[in-house]
Amino acid sequence: MTTKILALTDALGSVVRFELMPGNRFDTVGVAPLTDGGQFDAMIADKAFDSYWLT
């Protein structure tokens, strides 16, 4: 069994929130719970997956 860890960090790299998911789930499924209710001036993300709904 594998596990994925998605983390939301601040500008200094400190973890603000994190989401644990089963390793067989697509990564973008865990993004919405991390970003809901947050206010962002900028976002830096991995471009390995193309998700237009994030922009």
N, C-alpha and C. Protein backbone atom coordinates (compact mmCIF):
# COMPACT_ATOMS: atom_id res chain seq x y z
N MET A 1 0.85 -1.18 0.00
CA MET A 1 0.00 0.00 0.00
C MET A 1 0.89 1.24 0.00
N THR A 2 0.49 2.25 -0.76
CA THR A 2 1.24 3.50 -0.82
C THR A 2 0.37 4.65 -0.35
N THR A 3 1.01 5.75 0.00
CA THR A 3 0.32 6.94 0.47
C THR A 3 0.91 8.16 -0.21
N LYS A 4 0.05 9.10 -0.58
CA LYS A 4 0.50 10.38 -1.13
C LYS A 4 0.28 11.45 -0.07
N ILE A 5 1.23 12.36 0.03
CA ILE A 5 1.12 13.48 0.95
C ILE A 5 1.13 14.75 0.12
N LEU A 6 0.06 15.51 0.16
CA LEU A 6 -0.01 16.81 -0.49
C LEU A 6 0.10 17.86 0.60
N ALA A 7 0.96 18.84 0.41
CA ALA A 7 1.19 19.84 1.44
C ALA A 7 1.03 21.25 0.89
N LEU A 8 0.42 22.11 1.68
CA LEU A 8 0.32 23.53 1.39
C LEU A 8 1.26 24.23 2.35
N THR A 9 2.19 25.01 1.81
CA THR A 9 3.18 25.68 2.65
C THR A 9 3.10 27.20 2.47
N ASP A 10 3.66 27.92 3.42
CA ASP A 10 3.74 29.37 3.29
C ASP A 10 5.02 29.73 2.54
N ALA A 11 5.32 31.01 2.42
CA ALA A 11 6.47 31.47 1.65
C ALA A 11 7.80 30.99 2.22
N LEU A 12 7.83 30.64 3.50
CA LEU A 12 9.06 30.18 4.13
C LEU A 12 9.21 28.65 4.11
N GLY A 13 8.20 27.97 3.55
CA GLY A 13 8.25 26.52 3.46
C GLY A 13 7.66 25.79 4.65
N SER A 14 7.04 26.53 5.57
CA SER A 14 6.39 25.90 6.72
C SER A 14 5.04 25.33 6.30
N VAL A 15 4.74 24.11 6.72
CA VAL A 15 3.49 23.46 6.35
C VAL A 15 2.31 24.16 7.01
N VAL A 16 1.33 24.55 6.21
CA VAL A 16 0.12 25.20 6.70
C VAL A 16 -0.99 24.16 6.82
N ARG A 17 -1.14 23.34 5.80
CA ARG A 17 -2.13 22.25 5.78
C ARG A 17 -1.53 21.08 5.01
N PHE A 18 -2.04 19.88 5.27
CA PHE A 18 -1.63 18.73 4.47
C PHE A 18 -2.79 17.77 4.32
N GLU A 19 -2.71 16.96 3.30
CA GLU A 19 -3.77 16.00 2.98
C GLU A 19 -3.10 14.65 2.71
N LEU A 20 -3.54 13.61 3.38
CA LEU A 20 -3.06 12.25 3.14
C LEU A 20 -4.05 11.55 2.23
N MET A 21 -3.54 10.92 1.18
CA MET A 21 -4.41 10.25 0.22
C MET A 21 -3.84 8.87 -0.10
N PRO A 22 -4.70 7.95 -0.52
CA PRO A 22 -4.18 6.66 -0.99
C PRO A 22 -3.31 6.87 -2.21
N GLY A 23 -2.29 6.07 -2.38
CA GLY A 23 -1.34 6.23 -3.47
C GLY A 23 -1.94 6.04 -4.85
N ASN A 24 -3.09 5.40 -4.95
CA ASN A 24 -3.70 5.16 -6.25
C ASN A 24 -4.65 6.27 -6.69
N ARG A 25 -4.77 7.34 -5.93
CA ARG A 25 -5.66 8.46 -6.29
C ARG A 25 -4.90 9.48 -7.12
N PHE A 26 -5.61 10.15 -8.02
CA PHE A 26 -5.01 11.19 -8.85
C PHE A 26 -4.72 12.40 -7.96
N ASP A 27 -3.57 13.04 -8.13
CA ASP A 27 -3.11 14.11 -7.24
C ASP A 27 -4.07 15.28 -7.12
N THR A 28 -4.71 15.69 -8.21
CA THR A 28 -5.54 16.88 -8.17
C THR A 28 -6.80 16.71 -7.31
N VAL A 29 -7.16 15.49 -6.96
CA VAL A 29 -8.31 15.25 -6.09
C VAL A 29 -8.08 15.88 -4.72
N GLY A 30 -6.85 15.90 -4.25
CA GLY A 30 -6.55 16.44 -2.93
C GLY A 30 -6.27 17.93 -2.90
N VAL A 31 -6.24 18.60 -4.05
CA VAL A 31 -5.92 20.02 -4.08
C VAL A 31 -7.06 20.88 -3.53
N ALA A 32 -8.27 20.60 -3.92
CA ALA A 32 -9.42 21.41 -3.48
C ALA A 32 -9.54 21.51 -1.96
N PRO A 33 -9.42 20.40 -1.20
CA PRO A 33 -9.49 20.53 0.26
C PRO A 33 -8.37 21.40 0.85
N LEU A 34 -7.21 21.42 0.19
CA LEU A 34 -6.10 22.24 0.69
C LEU A 34 -6.33 23.72 0.44
N THR A 35 -6.92 24.06 -0.70
CA THR A 35 -7.04 25.47 -1.09
C THR A 35 -8.37 26.10 -0.71
N ASP A 36 -9.38 25.31 -0.37
CA ASP A 36 -10.69 25.87 0.00
C ASP A 36 -10.57 26.75 1.24
N GLY A 37 -11.12 27.94 1.15
CA GLY A 37 -11.14 28.85 2.28
C GLY A 37 -9.85 29.64 2.46
N GLY A 38 -8.89 29.45 1.58
CA GLY A 38 -7.62 30.16 1.70
C GLY A 38 -7.57 31.36 0.77
N GLN A 39 -6.73 32.32 1.11
CA GLN A 39 -6.50 33.49 0.28
C GLN A 39 -5.04 33.47 -0.15
N PHE A 40 -4.81 33.60 -1.46
CA PHE A 40 -3.46 33.48 -1.98
C PHE A 40 -3.11 34.69 -2.84
N ASP A 41 -1.89 35.17 -2.70
CA ASP A 41 -1.36 36.19 -3.60
C ASP A 41 -0.69 35.54 -4.80
N ALA A 42 -0.16 34.34 -4.60
CA ALA A 42 0.51 33.60 -5.67
C ALA A 42 0.49 32.11 -5.33
N MET A 43 0.68 31.28 -6.35
CA MET A 43 0.74 29.84 -6.15
C MET A 43 1.83 29.28 -7.04
N ILE A 44 2.68 28.46 -6.47
CA ILE A 44 3.71 27.75 -7.22
C ILE A 44 3.36 26.28 -7.12
N ALA A 45 3.26 25.62 -8.27
CA ALA A 45 2.86 24.22 -8.28
C ALA A 45 3.66 23.45 -9.33
N ASP A 46 3.66 22.15 -9.18
CA ASP A 46 4.31 21.27 -10.13
C ASP A 46 3.47 21.23 -11.41
N LYS A 47 4.10 21.38 -12.57
CA LYS A 47 3.37 21.37 -13.83
C LYS A 47 3.27 19.98 -14.45
N ALA A 48 3.52 18.93 -13.68
CA ALA A 48 3.45 17.58 -14.22
C ALA A 48 2.05 17.25 -14.68
N PHE A 49 1.05 17.80 -14.03
CA PHE A 49 -0.35 17.60 -14.41
C PHE A 49 -0.93 18.93 -14.83
N ASP A 50 -1.65 18.94 -15.92
CA ASP A 50 -2.23 20.16 -16.44
C ASP A 50 -3.67 20.26 -15.96
N SER A 51 -3.96 21.17 -15.05
CA SER A 51 -5.30 21.33 -14.48
C SER A 51 -5.74 22.77 -14.63
N TYR A 52 -6.54 23.05 -15.65
CA TYR A 52 -6.98 24.40 -15.92
C TYR A 52 -7.93 24.94 -14.85
N TRP A 53 -8.60 24.08 -14.09
CA TRP A 53 -9.55 24.56 -13.08
C TRP A 53 -8.83 25.24 -11.92
N LEU A 54 -7.51 25.06 -11.80
CA LEU A 54 -6.77 25.71 -10.73
C LEU A 54 -6.49 27.18 -11.02
N THR A 55 -6.53 27.59 -12.29
CA THR A 55 -6.20 28.97 -12.64
C THR A 55 -7.39 29.88 -12.59
